C-alpha atoms as a PDB file:
ATOM      1  CA  MET A   1      53.620   3.366  18.186  1.00  0.00           C
ATOM      2  CA  GLN A   2      55.336   3.234  21.576  1.00  0.00           C
ATOM      3  CA  PRO A   3      56.088  -0.178  23.159  1.00  0.00           C
ATOM      4  CA  ASP A   4      53.567   0.274  25.956  1.00  0.00           C
ATOM      5  CA  GLU A   5      50.799   1.164  23.493  1.00  0.00           C
ATOM      6  CA  LEU A   6      51.713  -1.830  21.324  1.00  0.00           C
ATOM      7  CA  ALA A   7      51.600  -4.109  24.356  1.00  0.00           C
ATOM      8  CA  GLU A   8      48.188  -2.756  25.317  1.00  0.00           C
ATOM      9  CA  ALA A   9      46.997  -3.231  21.736  1.00  0.00           C
ATOM     10  CA  ALA A  10      48.012  -6.888  21.898  1.00  0.00           C
ATOM     11  CA  ARG A  11      46.122  -7.289  25.172  1.00  0.00           C
ATOM     12  CA  VAL A  12      43.056  -5.613  23.666  1.00  0.00           C
ATOM     13  CA  ALA A  13      43.242  -7.963  20.682  1.00  0.00           C
ATOM     14  CA  MET A  14      43.308 -10.996  22.956  1.00  0.00           C
ATOM     15  CA  ASP A  15      40.430  -9.684  25.068  1.00  0.00           C
ATOM     16  CA  ALA A  16      38.444  -9.030  21.895  1.00  0.00           C
ATOM     17  CA  ALA A  17      39.128 -12.578  20.702  1.00  0.00           C
ATOM     18  CA  ARG A  18      37.872 -14.066  23.976  1.00  0.00           C
ATOM     19  CA  THR A  19      34.762 -11.883  23.821  1.00  0.00           C
ATOM     20  CA  ALA A  20      34.061 -12.922  20.245  1.00  0.00           C
ATOM     21  CA  MET A  21      34.418 -16.623  21.041  1.00  0.00           C
ATOM     22  CA  ARG A  22      32.070 -16.322  24.002  1.00  0.00           C
ATOM     23  CA  ILE A  23      29.373 -14.576  21.964  1.00  0.00           C
ATOM     24  CA  VAL A  24      29.659 -16.944  19.001  1.00  0.00           C
ATOM     25  CA  ARG A  25      29.371 -19.995  21.240  1.00  0.00           C
ATOM     26  CA  SER A  26      26.575 -18.752  23.486  1.00  0.00           C
ATOM     27  CA  ASP A  27      24.363 -16.129  21.843  1.00  0.00           C
ATOM     28  CA  PRO A  28      21.388 -17.009  19.613  1.00  0.00           C
ATOM     29  CA  LEU A  29      21.671 -16.111  15.940  1.00  0.00           C
ATOM     30  CA  GLY A  30      18.466 -14.101  16.085  1.00  0.00           C
ATOM     31  CA  VAL A  31      16.952 -12.999  12.798  1.00  0.00           C
ATOM     32  CA  VAL A  32      19.118 -13.937   9.814  1.00  0.00           C
ATOM     33  CA  ARG A  33      19.122 -11.069   7.320  1.00  0.00           C
ATOM     34  CA  GLU A  34      20.388 -10.607   3.775  1.00  0.00           C
ATOM     35  CA  LYS A  35      22.844  -7.875   2.859  1.00  0.00           C
ATOM     36  CA  ALA A  36      23.951  -7.555  -0.778  1.00  0.00           C
ATOM     37  CA  HIS A  37      22.200 -10.736  -1.953  1.00  0.00           C
ATOM     38  CA  ALA A  38      20.595 -13.941  -0.709  1.00  0.00           C
ATOM     39  CA  ALA A  39      23.957 -15.608  -0.088  1.00  0.00           C
ATOM     40  CA  ASP A  40      25.338 -12.636   1.866  1.00  0.00           C
ATOM     41  CA  LEU A  41      24.034 -13.067   5.407  1.00  0.00           C
ATOM     42  CA  VAL A  42      24.285 -11.274   8.727  1.00  0.00           C
ATOM     43  CA  THR A  43      23.054 -12.356  12.151  1.00  0.00           C
ATOM     44  CA  ASP A  44      22.602 -10.788  15.558  1.00  0.00           C
ATOM     45  CA  VAL A  45      25.825 -12.554  16.547  1.00  0.00           C
ATOM     46  CA  ASP A  46      27.880 -10.749  13.876  1.00  0.00           C
ATOM     47  CA  GLN A  47      26.582  -7.396  15.030  1.00  0.00           C
ATOM     48  CA  ALA A  48      26.886  -8.146  18.747  1.00  0.00           C
ATOM     49  CA  VAL A  49      30.543  -9.112  18.377  1.00  0.00           C
ATOM     50  CA  GLU A  50      31.410  -5.976  16.433  1.00  0.00           C
ATOM     51  CA  ARG A  51      29.613  -3.730  18.928  1.00  0.00           C
ATOM     52  CA  GLU A  52      31.536  -5.282  21.820  1.00  0.00           C
ATOM     53  CA  VAL A  53      34.855  -4.926  20.028  1.00  0.00           C
ATOM     54  CA  ARG A  54      34.170  -1.314  19.115  1.00  0.00           C
ATOM     55  CA  ALA A  55      33.364  -0.531  22.745  1.00  0.00           C
ATOM     56  CA  LEU A  56      36.490  -2.332  23.930  1.00  0.00           C
ATOM     57  CA  VAL A  57      38.826  -0.473  21.577  1.00  0.00           C
ATOM     58  CA  ALA A  58      37.185   2.874  22.355  1.00  0.00           C
ATOM     59  CA  SER A  59      37.522   2.403  26.107  1.00  0.00           C
ATOM     60  CA  ARG A  60      41.071   1.037  26.172  1.00  0.00           C
ATOM     61  CA  LEU A  61      42.704   2.796  23.215  1.00  0.00           C
ATOM     62  CA  PRO A  62      41.119   6.239  22.766  1.00  0.00           C
ATOM     63  CA  GLY A  63      42.091   7.834  19.499  1.00  0.00           C
ATOM     64  CA  HIS A  64      42.222   4.538  17.638  1.00  0.00           C
ATOM     65  CA  THR A  65      39.846   4.038  14.682  1.00  0.00           C
ATOM     66  CA  LEU A  66      37.924   0.863  13.862  1.00  0.00           C
ATOM     67  CA  VAL A  67      36.708  -0.249  10.432  1.00  0.00           C
ATOM     68  CA  GLY A  68      34.246  -3.113  10.690  1.00  0.00           C
ATOM     69  CA  GLU A  69      32.568  -5.565   8.364  1.00  0.00           C
ATOM     70  CA  GLU A  70      29.111  -4.789   9.716  1.00  0.00           C
ATOM     71  CA  PHE A  71      29.128  -1.117  10.726  1.00  0.00           C
ATOM     72  CA  GLY A  72      31.787   0.252   8.404  1.00  0.00           C
ATOM     73  CA  GLY A  73      34.154   3.098   9.132  1.00  0.00           C
ATOM     74  CA  VAL A  74      36.986   4.908   7.371  1.00  0.00           C
ATOM     75  CA  ALA A  75      40.667   4.211   7.968  1.00  0.00           C
ATOM     76  CA  ALA A  76      42.545   7.039   9.685  1.00  0.00           C
ATOM     77  CA  ASP A  77      46.130   8.223   9.343  1.00  0.00           C
ATOM     78  CA  GLY A  78      46.851   6.904  12.823  1.00  0.00           C
ATOM     79  CA  PRO A  79      46.209   3.487  14.390  1.00  0.00           C
ATOM     80  CA  THR A  80      43.308   1.756  12.654  1.00  0.00           C
ATOM     81  CA  TRP A  81      41.714  -1.580  13.546  1.00  0.00           C
ATOM     82  CA  TYR A  82      40.096  -3.808  10.941  1.00  0.00           C
ATOM     83  CA  CYS A  83      37.455  -6.231  12.213  1.00  0.00           C
ATOM     84  CA  ASP A  84      35.372  -9.040  10.791  1.00  0.00           C
ATOM     85  CA  PRO A  85      33.243 -10.259  13.697  1.00  0.00           C
ATOM     86  CA  VAL A  86      32.319 -13.536  11.980  1.00  0.00           C
ATOM     87  CA  ASP A  87      34.138 -14.628   8.846  1.00  0.00           C
ATOM     88  CA  GLY A  88      32.035 -17.497   7.566  1.00  0.00           C
ATOM     89  CA  THR A  89      28.540 -16.318   8.515  1.00  0.00           C
ATOM     90  CA  THR A  90      27.016 -18.709   5.981  1.00  0.00           C
ATOM     91  CA  ASN A  91      28.683 -21.562   7.840  1.00  0.00           C
ATOM     92  CA  LEU A  92      27.464 -20.175  11.161  1.00  0.00           C
ATOM     93  CA  VAL A  93      23.878 -20.046   9.921  1.00  0.00           C
ATOM     94  CA  ALA A  94      24.160 -23.565   8.492  1.00  0.00           C
ATOM     95  CA  GLY A  95      25.558 -24.937  11.755  1.00  0.00           C
ATOM     96  CA  LEU A  96      28.977 -25.705  10.273  1.00  0.00           C
ATOM     97  CA  PRO A  97      31.764 -25.112  12.828  1.00  0.00           C
ATOM     98  CA  TRP A  98      34.198 -23.324  10.519  1.00  0.00           C
ATOM     99  CA  THR A  99      34.068 -19.610  11.292  1.00  0.00           C
ATOM    100  CA  ALA A 100      36.554 -17.079  12.618  1.00  0.00           C
ATOM    101  CA  PHE A 101      36.880 -13.730  14.323  1.00  0.00           C
ATOM    102  CA  SER A 102      39.469 -11.432  12.744  1.00  0.00           C
ATOM    103  CA  LEU A 103      40.976  -8.245  14.178  1.00  0.00           C
ATOM    104  CA  ALA A 104      44.075  -6.405  12.973  1.00  0.00           C
ATOM    105  CA  LEU A 105      45.767  -3.139  13.891  1.00  0.00           C
ATOM    106  CA  ALA A 106      47.705  -1.145  11.307  1.00  0.00           C
ATOM    107  CA  VAL A 107      49.149   2.295  10.842  1.00  0.00           C
ATOM    108  CA  GLY A 108      48.754   3.087   7.178  1.00  0.00           C
ATOM    109  CA  THR A 109      49.563  -0.164   5.403  1.00  0.00           C
ATOM    110  CA  THR A 110      51.899  -1.418   8.127  1.00  0.00           C
ATOM    111  CA  PRO A 111      50.227  -4.078  10.275  1.00  0.00           C
ATOM    112  CA  LEU A 112      51.266  -4.232  13.913  1.00  0.00           C
ATOM    113  CA  VAL A 113      48.906  -6.680  15.628  1.00  0.00           C
ATOM    114  CA  GLY A 114      46.669  -9.411  14.295  1.00  0.00           C
ATOM    115  CA  VAL A 115      44.443 -11.926  16.036  1.00  0.00           C
ATOM    116  CA  VAL A 116      42.295 -14.730  14.620  1.00  0.00           C
ATOM    117  CA  ALA A 117      40.000 -16.675  16.933  1.00  0.00           C
ATOM    118  CA  ASP A 118      38.331 -19.989  16.142  1.00  0.00           C
ATOM    119  CA  ALA A 119      35.567 -20.465  18.694  1.00  0.00           C
ATOM    120  CA  TRP A 120      34.883 -24.056  17.687  1.00  0.00           C
ATOM    121  CA  ARG A 121      38.459 -25.247  18.261  1.00  0.00           C
ATOM    122  CA  ASP A 122      39.106 -22.800  21.104  1.00  0.00           C
ATOM    123  CA  GLU A 123      42.170 -21.547  19.221  1.00  0.00           C
ATOM    124  CA  VAL A 124      43.625 -18.052  19.065  1.00  0.00           C
ATOM    125  CA  VAL A 125      46.413 -17.099  16.665  1.00  0.00           C
ATOM    126  CA  LEU A 126      48.145 -13.871  17.715  1.00  0.00           C
ATOM    127  CA  ALA A 127      50.797 -11.966  15.783  1.00  0.00           C
ATOM    128  CA  VAL A 128      52.644  -8.914  17.075  1.00  0.00           C
ATOM    129  CA  THR A 129      55.195  -7.094  14.972  1.00  0.00           C
ATOM    130  CA  GLY A 130      58.703  -8.328  15.654  1.00  0.00           C
ATOM    131  CA  GLN A 131      57.450 -10.913  18.163  1.00  0.00           C
ATOM    132  CA  GLY A 132      56.371 -13.753  15.884  1.00  0.00           C
ATOM    133  CA  VAL A 133      53.177 -15.772  16.121  1.00  0.00           C
ATOM    134  CA  THR A 134      51.605 -17.736  18.939  1.00  0.00           C
ATOM    135  CA  LEU A 135      48.828 -20.315  18.962  1.00  0.00           C
ATOM    136  CA  ASN A 136      47.045 -20.307  22.321  1.00  0.00           C
ATOM    137  CA  GLY A 137      50.068 -18.586  23.811  1.00  0.00           C
ATOM    138  CA  ARG A 138      52.676 -21.011  22.467  1.00  0.00           C
ATOM    139  CA  PRO A 139      55.086 -20.078  19.644  1.00  0.00           C
ATOM    140  CA  VAL A 140      54.138 -21.558  16.301  1.00  0.00           C
ATOM    141  CA  PRO A 141      56.767 -24.177  15.379  1.00  0.00           C
ATOM    142  CA  GLU A 142      59.208 -23.125  12.713  1.00  0.00           C
ATOM    143  CA  VAL A 143      59.816 -26.683  11.489  1.00  0.00           C
ATOM    144  CA  ARG A 144      57.420 -27.717   8.736  1.00  0.00           C
ATOM    145  CA  PRO A 145      56.915 -31.125   7.080  1.00  0.00           C
ATOM    146  CA  THR A 146      59.291 -31.734   4.198  1.00  0.00           C
ATOM    147  CA  HIS A 147      56.467 -32.265   1.690  1.00  0.00           C
ATOM    148  CA  ARG A 148      55.796 -28.537   1.865  1.00  0.00           C
ATOM    149  CA  ALA A 149      58.911 -27.913  -0.170  1.00  0.00           C
ATOM    150  CA  ARG A 150      56.681 -28.540  -3.202  1.00  0.00           C
ATOM    151  CA  LEU A 151      53.010 -28.570  -4.049  1.00  0.00           C
ATOM    152  CA  THR A 152      52.892 -32.293  -4.759  1.00  0.00           C
ATOM    153  CA  GLY A 153      51.511 -34.117  -1.749  1.00  0.00           C
ATOM    154  CA  GLY A 154      50.431 -30.887  -0.075  1.00  0.00           C
ATOM    155  CA  VAL A 155      47.164 -29.138   0.709  1.00  0.00           C
ATOM    156  CA  LEU A 156      46.184 -25.740  -0.703  1.00  0.00           C
ATOM    157  CA  LEU A 157      43.263 -23.746   0.712  1.00  0.00           C
ATOM    158  CA  THR A 158      41.242 -21.251  -1.282  1.00  0.00           C
ATOM    159  CA  GLU A 159      37.825 -19.606  -1.084  1.00  0.00           C
ATOM    160  CA  TRP A 160      34.908 -18.604  -3.233  1.00  0.00           C
ATOM    161  CA  ALA A 161      34.453 -15.020  -4.355  1.00  0.00           C
ATOM    162  CA  ALA A 162      31.361 -14.595  -2.191  1.00  0.00           C
ATOM    163  CA  HIS A 163      29.342 -17.610  -3.399  1.00  0.00           C
ATOM    164  CA  ARG A 164      30.884 -17.956  -6.859  1.00  0.00           C
ATOM    165  CA  PRO A 165      34.154 -19.364  -8.217  1.00  0.00           C
ATOM    166  CA  TRP A 166      36.641 -16.575  -8.873  1.00  0.00           C
ATOM    167  CA  PRO A 167      38.056 -16.133 -12.405  1.00  0.00           C
ATOM    168  CA  GLY A 168      40.749 -18.793 -12.754  1.00  0.00           C
ATOM    169  CA  MET A 169      39.595 -20.869  -9.767  1.00  0.00           C
ATOM    170  CA  ALA A 170      38.561 -23.859 -11.878  1.00  0.00           C
ATOM    171  CA  GLN A 171      41.911 -23.765 -13.646  1.00  0.00           C
ATOM    172  CA  LEU A 172      43.680 -23.582 -10.283  1.00  0.00           C
ATOM    173  CA  LEU A 173      41.918 -26.689  -9.019  1.00  0.00           C
ATOM    174  CA  THR A 174      42.897 -28.549 -12.194  1.00  0.00           C
ATOM    175  CA  ALA A 175      46.519 -27.380 -11.989  1.00  0.00           C
ATOM    176  CA  LEU A 176      46.733 -28.511  -8.374  1.00  0.00           C
ATOM    177  CA  ALA A 177      45.167 -31.879  -9.176  1.00  0.00           C
ATOM    178  CA  ASP A 178      47.715 -32.372 -11.955  1.00  0.00           C
ATOM    179  CA  ARG A 179      50.403 -31.914  -9.283  1.00  0.00           C
ATOM    180  CA  ALA A 180      48.677 -34.265  -6.805  1.00  0.00           C
ATOM    181  CA  CYS A 181      48.062 -31.295  -4.509  1.00  0.00           C
ATOM    182  CA  THR A 182      44.744 -31.416  -2.688  1.00  0.00           C
ATOM    183  CA  ALA A 183      42.533 -28.312  -2.609  1.00  0.00           C
ATOM    184  CA  ARG A 184      40.156 -27.335   0.186  1.00  0.00           C
ATOM    185  CA  VAL A 185      37.342 -24.748   0.063  1.00  0.00           C
ATOM    186  CA  MET A 186      35.874 -24.544   3.571  1.00  0.00           C
ATOM    187  CA  GLY A 187      33.997 -21.255   3.773  1.00  0.00           C
ATOM    188  CA  SER A 188      36.284 -18.835   5.645  1.00  0.00           C
ATOM    189  CA  GLY A 189      39.137 -16.999   3.970  1.00  0.00           C
ATOM    190  CA  THR A 190      40.378 -15.925   7.390  1.00  0.00           C
ATOM    191  CA  LEU A 191      40.801 -19.520   8.520  1.00  0.00           C
ATOM    192  CA  ALA A 192      42.275 -20.540   5.175  1.00  0.00           C
ATOM    193  CA  LEU A 193      45.118 -18.089   5.787  1.00  0.00           C
ATOM    194  CA  SER A 194      45.470 -18.497   9.542  1.00  0.00           C
ATOM    195  CA  HIS A 195      45.771 -22.270   9.410  1.00  0.00           C
ATOM    196  CA  VAL A 196      48.792 -21.826   7.157  1.00  0.00           C
ATOM    197  CA  ALA A 197      50.198 -19.349   9.684  1.00  0.00           C
ATOM    198  CA  ALA A 198      49.720 -22.031  12.340  1.00  0.00           C
ATOM    199  CA  GLY A 199      51.821 -24.487  10.343  1.00  0.00           C
ATOM    200  CA  ARG A 200      49.003 -26.404   8.651  1.00  0.00           C
ATOM    201  CA  GLY A 201      48.768 -26.991   4.935  1.00  0.00           C
ATOM    202  CA  THR A 202      51.117 -25.830   2.221  1.00  0.00           C
ATOM    203  CA  GLY A 203      49.529 -22.514   1.324  1.00  0.00           C
ATOM    204  CA  ALA A 204      46.388 -20.546   0.549  1.00  0.00           C
ATOM    205  CA  ILE A 205      45.131 -18.222  -2.164  1.00  0.00           C
ATOM    206  CA  ILE A 206      42.409 -15.623  -1.639  1.00  0.00           C
ATOM    207  CA  SER A 207      41.150 -13.987  -4.819  1.00  0.00           C
ATOM    208  CA  GLU A 208      40.281 -10.573  -3.362  1.00  0.00           C
ATOM    209  CA  PHE A 209      41.960  -9.163  -0.273  1.00  0.00           C
ATOM    210  CA  HIS A 210      39.873  -7.191   2.225  1.00  0.00           C
ATOM    211  CA  PRO A 211      41.630  -5.977   5.378  1.00  0.00           C
ATOM    212  CA  GLU A 212      38.612  -6.543   7.628  1.00  0.00           C
ATOM    213  CA  ASP A 213      38.552 -10.202   6.572  1.00  0.00           C
ATOM    214  CA  HIS A 214      42.157 -11.071   5.836  1.00  0.00           C
ATOM    215  CA  LEU A 215      44.707  -8.649   7.292  1.00  0.00           C
ATOM    216  CA  ALA A 216      45.088 -10.324  10.686  1.00  0.00           C
ATOM    217  CA  ALA A 217      45.708 -13.749   9.172  1.00  0.00           C
ATOM    218  CA  ALA A 218      47.941 -12.463   6.373  1.00  0.00           C
ATOM    219  CA  PHE A 219      50.039 -10.568   8.913  1.00  0.00           C
ATOM    220  CA  ALA A 220      50.307 -13.710  11.038  1.00  0.00           C
ATOM    221  CA  CYS A 221      51.588 -15.589   7.999  1.00  0.00           C
ATOM    222  CA  ALA A 222      54.214 -12.892   7.403  1.00  0.00           C
ATOM    223  CA  GLU A 223      55.305 -12.921  11.060  1.00  0.00           C
ATOM    224  CA  ALA A 224      55.563 -16.723  10.858  1.00  0.00           C
ATOM    225  CA  GLY A 225      58.132 -16.386   8.062  1.00  0.00           C
ATOM    226  CA  LEU A 226      55.885 -17.466   5.205  1.00  0.00           C
ATOM    227  CA  ALA A 227      55.801 -16.037   1.721  1.00  0.00           C
ATOM    228  CA  VAL A 228      52.913 -13.542   1.572  1.00  0.00           C
ATOM    229  CA  ARG A 229      52.594 -12.189  -1.960  1.00  0.00           C
ATOM    230  CA  ASP A 230      50.259  -9.884  -3.819  1.00  0.00           C
ATOM    231  CA  GLU A 231      49.489 -10.390  -7.494  1.00  0.00           C
ATOM    232  CA  SER A 232      52.673  -8.578  -8.535  1.00  0.00           C
ATOM    233  CA  GLY A 233      54.791 -11.011  -6.547  1.00  0.00           C
ATOM    234  CA  ALA A 234      55.760  -8.507  -3.859  1.00  0.00           C
ATOM    235  CA  GLN A 235      55.971  -9.657  -0.237  1.00  0.00           C
ATOM    236  CA  GLN A 236      52.968  -7.702   1.057  1.00  0.00           C
ATOM    237  CA  PRO A 237      50.529  -8.668   3.823  1.00  0.00           C
ATOM    238  CA  PHE A 238      48.420  -5.559   3.100  1.00  0.00           C
ATOM    239  CA  PRO A 239      47.959  -5.356  -0.686  1.00  0.00           C
ATOM    240  CA  ASP A 240      46.082  -2.381  -2.092  1.00  0.00           C
ATOM    241  CA  GLY A 241      44.062  -4.517  -4.492  1.00  0.00           C
ATOM    242  CA  GLY A 242      43.700  -7.944  -6.037  1.00  0.00           C
ATOM    243  CA  GLY A 243      44.324 -11.221  -4.297  1.00  0.00           C
ATOM    244  CA  ILE A 244      46.851 -12.618  -1.881  1.00  0.00           C
ATOM    245  CA  LEU A 245      48.922 -15.795  -1.687  1.00  0.00           C
ATOM    246  CA  VAL A 246      50.543 -17.305   1.395  1.00  0.00           C
ATOM    247  CA  CYS A 247      52.809 -20.315   1.217  1.00  0.00           C
ATOM    248  CA  ALA A 248      55.681 -22.167   2.794  1.00  0.00           C
ATOM    249  CA  PRO A 249      58.746 -20.401   1.363  1.00  0.00           C
ATOM    250  CA  GLU A 250      60.104 -23.541  -0.297  1.00  0.00           C
ATOM    251  CA  ALA A 251      56.990 -23.961  -2.461  1.00  0.00           C
ATOM    252  CA  ALA A 252      56.145 -20.293  -2.945  1.00  0.00           C
ATOM    253  CA  ASP A 253      57.713 -19.816  -6.386  1.00  0.00           C
ATOM    254  CA  GLU A 254      55.940 -22.895  -7.728  1.00  0.00           C
ATOM    255  CA  LEU A 255      52.570 -21.817  -6.339  1.00  0.00           C
ATOM    256  CA  PHE A 256      53.002 -18.214  -7.485  1.00  0.00           C
ATOM    257  CA  ALA A 257      53.746 -19.404 -11.042  1.00  0.00           C
ATOM    258  CA  VAL A 258      50.563 -21.508 -11.018  1.00  0.00           C
ATOM    259  CA  TRP A 259      48.555 -18.583  -9.645  1.00  0.00           C
ATOM    260  CA  GLN A 260      49.805 -16.210 -12.325  1.00  0.00           C
ATOM    261  CA  GLU A 261      49.014 -18.725 -15.047  1.00  0.00           C
ATOM    262  CA  VAL A 262      45.437 -19.295 -13.899  1.00  0.00           C
ATOM    263  CA  LEU A 263      44.818 -15.590 -13.335  1.00  0.00           C
ATOM    264  CA  GLY A 264      45.831 -14.963 -16.918  1.00  0.00           C
ATOM    265  CA  SER A 265      43.542 -17.683 -18.214  1.00  0.00           C
ATOM    266  CA  GLY A 266      40.593 -16.597 -16.098  1.00  0.00           C
ATOM    267  CA  ARG A 267      40.537 -12.925 -17.082  1.00  0.00           C
END
């Protein structure tokens, strides 16, 4: 991708983030509908955001493809966007202010741009390949608290597999507690990852990677210099299956060893 097209893609991502935050904060939820099951919800807000983002990408970047959480799509050989209009719809319906908009651009499995927007905190995390990560336009600090050199005393974020614990999750929570590491399960895998990219918490584990949900935040973690590992241990912000781990580099080996142990016990 040429530099001017990459720059325009970053601008489109930011415009999409602002649009998503506006809709989430102002539009009514409308009729709440079930998708795969009673705990898998979609609202008019989810669909309105994705429609707006699709129109924005189509008008500004013709030839780009978009794969969305709500209206689907198939990844192309060329530039492909992955969008989750509202990650944390259950929270949105319940009135809990912990949801995110996620949008990432990749060519093949190489991410180039990622944006995560938190409407409730008015925060936008933007990552552009080779340009690092910004939070509301300011570079994310590289200096992290010293306690992140180990799990003890830290905070680890994870998420349910839909509405259920993932295989090994209970063992993970016990292993973290044994290390005096606090776990948080808040209801948005996107935010779990992006808060680590923004320099908060020690790390995060998501049991099943989906690019619409997680690619933007995982890419931001990689651009921020964090360890971003798939289940094989490879540094990979776009795994082709399984889960994903992000962590401060100093604690990454310790957390990866715990993850591998609990995965083995849970399967």
